[in-house]
Amino acid sequence: MEVARKGLNEIFAEFESHWIGQEVEGDQYRPAEIAFFRNILQGVLDHQTAIDTMTDEALQAGWPLRRVEAVLRAILRCGTYELMRRGDVPARVVITEYADLAAAFFDREEVGLVNGVLDGLAHTLRSDEFEPRRQTPA
């Protein structure tokens, strides 16, 4: 939406008719659960201020979310939304899926960034899904 400068309904229509489950430039895209896709996009828009604040805090100091490339920013926002609002999806699955998504567009460094940011947020937002971190003796 940010790159294409299109509204939510235009994006829904475009992805549902031209991308999801379609062949694009020789690549076959898998079908997706449309309701889930719509929930994520709508949820990111509805909670963008909170998502951006949390993601900014999880990023390294001096590198705010607004300085992150637009596609990478979208990946982080969607992953953060799922961690915040989609408790039906295990945190580890969210982290893995968005790291895999980042790998389709970026190199290892960016994939590592997505993995690290979402892992940190998951440990904060969904600490009950992780074993307590062991304390190192002083």
Protein backbone atom coordinates (compact mmCIF):
# COMPACT_ATOMS: atom_id res chain seq x y z
CA MET A 1 0.00 0.00 0.00
CA GLU A 2 2.79 2.36 0.89
CA VAL A 3 4.79 1.66 -2.27
CA ALA A 4 1.81 1.49 -4.65
CA ARG A 5 0.00 4.40 -2.99
CA LYS A 6 -3.25 2.41 -3.07
CA GLY A 7 -6.01 2.05 -0.54
CA LEU A 8 -6.91 -1.07 1.37
CA ASN A 9 -9.77 -2.17 -0.90
CA GLU A 10 -7.60 -1.74 -4.00
CA ILE A 11 -4.90 -3.88 -2.42
CA PHE A 12 -7.39 -6.59 -1.44
CA ALA A 13 -8.73 -6.69 -5.01
CA GLU A 14 -5.28 -6.71 -6.60
CA PHE A 15 -3.82 -9.45 -4.43
CA GLU A 16 -6.92 -11.61 -4.50
CA SER A 17 -7.26 -11.47 -8.29
CA HIS A 18 -3.66 -11.20 -9.52
CA TRP A 19 -1.29 -12.62 -6.90
CA ILE A 20 -2.76 -15.10 -4.43
CA GLY A 21 -2.84 -18.54 -6.02
CA GLN A 22 -1.73 -17.18 -9.41
CA GLU A 23 1.32 -17.58 -11.61
CA VAL A 24 3.30 -14.35 -11.85
CA GLU A 25 6.41 -14.01 -14.01
CA GLY A 26 6.88 -17.78 -14.03
CA ASP A 27 6.45 -18.21 -10.27
CA GLN A 28 3.40 -20.02 -8.96
CA TYR A 29 2.02 -18.39 -5.84
CA ARG A 30 0.24 -20.65 -3.39
CA PRO A 31 -3.38 -20.11 -2.45
CA ALA A 32 -3.93 -18.27 0.80
CA GLU A 33 -6.73 -17.93 3.31
CA ILE A 34 -8.32 -14.69 2.15
CA ALA A 35 -9.97 -13.89 5.50
CA PHE A 36 -6.61 -14.26 7.27
CA PHE A 37 -4.87 -12.07 4.66
CA ARG A 38 -7.54 -9.40 5.03
CA ASN A 39 -7.36 -9.56 8.83
CA ILE A 40 -3.63 -8.94 8.80
CA LEU A 41 -3.80 -5.97 6.44
CA GLN A 42 -6.77 -4.40 8.22
CA GLY A 43 -5.18 -5.10 11.61
CA VAL A 44 -1.91 -3.43 10.65
CA LEU A 45 -3.82 -0.32 9.59
CA ASP A 46 -6.01 -0.32 12.70
CA HIS A 47 -3.06 -0.74 15.08
CA GLN A 48 -0.26 0.91 13.11
CA THR A 49 0.70 3.45 15.78
CA ALA A 50 1.14 0.77 18.45
CA ILE A 51 2.86 -1.57 15.97
CA ASP A 52 5.30 1.11 14.84
CA THR A 53 6.09 2.11 18.43
CA MET A 54 6.81 -1.48 19.46
CA THR A 55 8.85 -2.18 16.33
CA ASP A 56 10.85 1.03 16.76
CA GLU A 57 11.73 -0.03 20.30
CA ALA A 58 12.79 -3.48 19.09
CA LEU A 59 15.05 -2.12 16.33
CA GLN A 60 18.61 -1.13 17.08
CA ALA A 61 19.06 2.38 18.43
CA GLY A 62 19.55 4.93 15.69
CA TRP A 63 17.69 2.90 13.07
CA PRO A 64 14.00 3.76 13.44
CA LEU A 65 11.33 1.92 11.50
CA ARG A 66 10.80 4.89 9.16
CA ARG A 67 14.36 4.38 7.85
CA VAL A 68 13.76 0.71 7.01
CA GLU A 69 13.02 -0.12 3.36
CA ALA A 70 9.25 -0.14 2.64
CA VAL A 71 8.83 -3.89 1.94
CA LEU A 72 10.91 -4.80 4.98
CA ARG A 73 8.87 -2.34 7.05
CA ALA A 74 5.65 -4.01 5.85
CA ILE A 75 7.00 -7.45 6.79
CA LEU A 76 7.90 -6.23 10.28
CA ARG A 77 4.52 -4.55 10.73
CA CYS A 78 2.58 -7.66 9.69
CA GLY A 79 4.67 -9.93 11.91
CA THR A 80 4.27 -7.57 14.85
CA TYR A 81 0.52 -7.44 14.31
CA GLU A 82 0.30 -11.23 14.35
CA LEU A 83 2.31 -11.40 17.56
CA MET A 84 0.11 -8.73 19.15
CA ARG A 85 -3.33 -9.84 17.99
CA ARG A 86 -3.28 -13.35 16.53
CA GLY A 87 -2.76 -15.58 19.54
CA ASP A 88 -4.15 -18.46 17.49
CA VAL A 89 -0.85 -18.51 15.56
CA PRO A 90 2.11 -19.73 17.66
CA ALA A 91 4.84 -17.11 18.07
CA ARG A 92 7.53 -19.39 16.63
CA VAL A 93 5.40 -19.91 13.52
CA VAL A 94 4.99 -16.15 13.10
CA ILE A 95 8.75 -15.62 13.38
CA THR A 96 9.57 -18.41 10.92
CA GLU A 97 6.95 -17.40 8.37
CA TYR A 98 8.01 -13.75 8.28
CA ALA A 99 11.71 -14.63 8.18
CA ASP A 100 10.92 -16.89 5.20
CA LEU A 101 8.95 -14.08 3.59
CA ALA A 102 11.88 -11.70 4.07
CA ALA A 103 14.17 -14.28 2.45
CA ALA A 104 12.08 -14.09 -0.71
CA PHE A 105 12.99 -10.41 -1.06
CA PHE A 106 16.21 -9.79 0.86
CA ASP A 107 19.63 -11.11 1.81
CA ARG A 108 20.67 -12.76 5.05
CA GLU A 109 21.23 -9.52 6.93
CA GLU A 110 17.63 -8.37 6.49
CA VAL A 111 16.29 -11.86 7.21
CA GLY A 112 18.31 -11.82 10.43
CA LEU A 113 16.86 -8.43 11.29
CA VAL A 114 13.29 -9.71 10.84
CA ASN A 115 14.08 -12.83 12.86
CA GLY A 116 15.74 -10.84 15.66
CA VAL A 117 13.09 -8.13 15.91
CA LEU A 118 10.17 -10.55 15.87
CA ASP A 119 11.89 -12.93 18.29
CA GLY A 120 12.47 -10.08 20.74
CA LEU A 121 8.88 -8.92 20.41
CA ALA A 122 7.60 -12.48 20.79
CA HIS A 123 9.50 -12.93 24.04
CA THR A 124 7.91 -9.71 25.31
CA LEU A 125 4.38 -10.13 23.96
CA ARG A 126 4.08 -13.88 24.33
CA SER A 127 6.51 -14.80 27.08
CA ASP A 128 4.25 -17.66 28.12
CA GLU A 129 5.11 -19.48 24.87
CA PHE A 130 8.81 -19.58 25.71
CA GLU A 131 10.77 -21.25 28.45
CA PRO A 132 12.25 -18.77 30.90
CA ARG A 133 15.66 -17.60 29.76
CA ARG A 134 18.39 -19.02 31.92
CA GLN A 135 20.37 -16.57 33.96
CA THR A 136 24.13 -16.76 33.55
CA PRO A 137 25.93 -17.00 36.91
CA ALA A 138 27.75 -13.78 37.76
